[in-house]
Protein backbone atom coordinates (compact mmCIF):
# COMPACT_ATOMS: atom_id res chain seq x y z
CA MET A 1 103.90 -47.08 -6.14
CA LYS A 2 103.54 -49.30 -3.00
CA THR A 3 103.59 -52.86 -3.11
CA ILE A 4 101.00 -54.81 -0.79
CA GLU A 5 103.01 -57.90 0.69
CA ALA A 6 100.26 -59.25 2.71
CA VAL A 7 96.27 -58.94 3.33
CA GLU A 8 95.46 -57.04 6.25
CA LEU A 9 91.76 -56.23 7.40
CA ILE A 10 92.39 -53.49 9.79
CA VAL A 11 89.59 -52.12 11.98
CA PRO A 12 89.94 -49.30 14.61
CA THR A 13 89.62 -49.70 18.17
CA ALA A 14 87.25 -46.77 18.92
CA PHE A 15 85.24 -43.82 17.01
CA THR A 16 83.53 -40.85 17.95
CA PRO A 17 80.90 -39.89 15.69
CA ASN A 18 80.44 -36.46 16.74
CA ASN A 19 80.16 -34.76 13.04
CA ASP A 20 83.64 -33.22 13.75
CA GLY A 21 85.27 -34.81 10.94
CA LYS A 22 87.49 -36.64 12.62
CA ASN A 23 86.80 -40.66 13.31
CA ASP A 24 83.23 -40.38 13.10
CA VAL A 25 82.70 -43.71 11.02
CA LEU A 26 83.53 -47.20 12.22
CA ARG A 27 85.20 -48.74 8.65
CA PRO A 28 87.70 -51.05 8.16
CA ILE A 29 90.90 -50.46 6.05
CA LEU A 30 91.56 -53.02 3.71
CA LEU A 31 95.08 -53.85 2.42
CA GLY A 32 95.39 -56.17 -0.35
CA VAL A 33 91.71 -57.28 -0.73
CA LYS A 34 89.98 -57.30 -3.96
CA GLN A 35 86.32 -57.76 -2.65
CA MET A 36 84.73 -57.21 0.53
CA GLN A 37 81.92 -59.78 1.10
CA TYR A 38 80.88 -58.27 4.33
CA PHE A 39 81.38 -55.61 7.34
CA ARG A 40 79.18 -55.86 10.07
CA VAL A 41 78.88 -54.34 13.42
CA PHE A 42 76.74 -55.86 16.60
CA ASN A 43 75.71 -54.64 20.04
CA ARG A 44 76.79 -56.66 23.23
CA TRP A 45 73.42 -58.65 22.62
CA GLY A 46 74.11 -59.68 19.05
CA GLN A 47 71.77 -57.12 17.51
CA LEU A 48 72.89 -56.51 13.83
CA LEU A 49 73.53 -52.41 13.98
CA TYR A 50 74.91 -52.20 10.35
CA GLU A 51 76.32 -54.01 7.44
CA THR A 52 78.05 -53.31 4.22
CA ARG A 53 79.54 -54.89 1.50
CA LYS A 54 81.05 -51.78 -0.04
CA PRO A 55 85.04 -50.96 0.77
CA GLY A 56 85.02 -47.46 2.14
CA GLU A 57 81.65 -47.16 3.61
CA GLY A 58 81.01 -47.45 7.22
CA TRP A 59 79.08 -47.39 10.73
CA ASN A 60 78.47 -43.31 11.66
CA GLY A 61 76.79 -44.83 15.28
CA ILE A 62 73.30 -44.18 14.38
CA LEU A 63 70.49 -47.06 14.33
CA LYS A 64 67.02 -46.70 12.73
CA GLY A 65 67.46 -42.59 12.90
CA ASN A 66 68.70 -42.74 16.53
CA GLN A 67 72.45 -41.97 17.87
CA GLN A 68 73.40 -44.89 19.66
CA ALA A 69 75.08 -44.49 23.07
CA THR A 70 78.61 -45.08 24.18
CA GLN A 71 79.00 -48.69 24.01
CA THR A 72 81.37 -51.40 23.12
CA VAL A 73 80.40 -53.23 19.67
CA VAL A 74 81.25 -56.02 17.91
CA TRP A 75 82.71 -56.45 14.52
CA MET A 76 83.07 -58.96 11.90
CA ILE A 77 84.56 -58.84 8.30
CA GLN A 78 85.16 -61.20 5.27
CA GLY A 79 86.95 -60.59 2.38
CA VAL A 80 89.04 -62.05 -0.75
CA GLY A 81 92.92 -60.98 -0.74
CA LEU A 82 94.69 -60.11 -4.08
CA ASP A 83 95.90 -63.75 -3.64
CA GLY A 84 92.12 -65.38 -4.05
CA VAL A 85 92.38 -66.55 -0.30
CA GLN A 86 89.26 -65.88 1.80
CA TYR A 87 89.80 -63.75 5.20
CA LYS A 88 87.75 -63.43 8.25
CA LYS A 89 88.35 -61.00 11.09
CA GLN A 90 86.33 -60.12 14.28
CA GLY A 91 87.05 -57.66 17.09
CA SER A 92 85.63 -54.97 18.99
CA ALA A 93 85.64 -51.02 19.05
CA VAL A 94 84.27 -48.75 21.52
CA LEU A 95 81.68 -45.83 19.99
CA LEU A 96 82.70 -42.93 22.28
CA ARG A 97 79.76 -39.83 22.56
């Protein structure tokens, strides 16, 4: 059994939603997190493209039934660590078609 020494919110810097079974979904990797409060993905104009509160879920590059084009998106995540502290992080990722 591995002990988690620190809380980490990790989101990949790119994803390729082409249904090949590899890196098709932009989803956070949560270490030492007991509750994910939100994971949100926005386009460059600030439009919300995706939101979830469920760990393990992520965005597949589709908005309202339409595949989105190659672009850089901004993500924000917030969660509560096993230590009871609230953690927030944001960054960007590239959707590659």
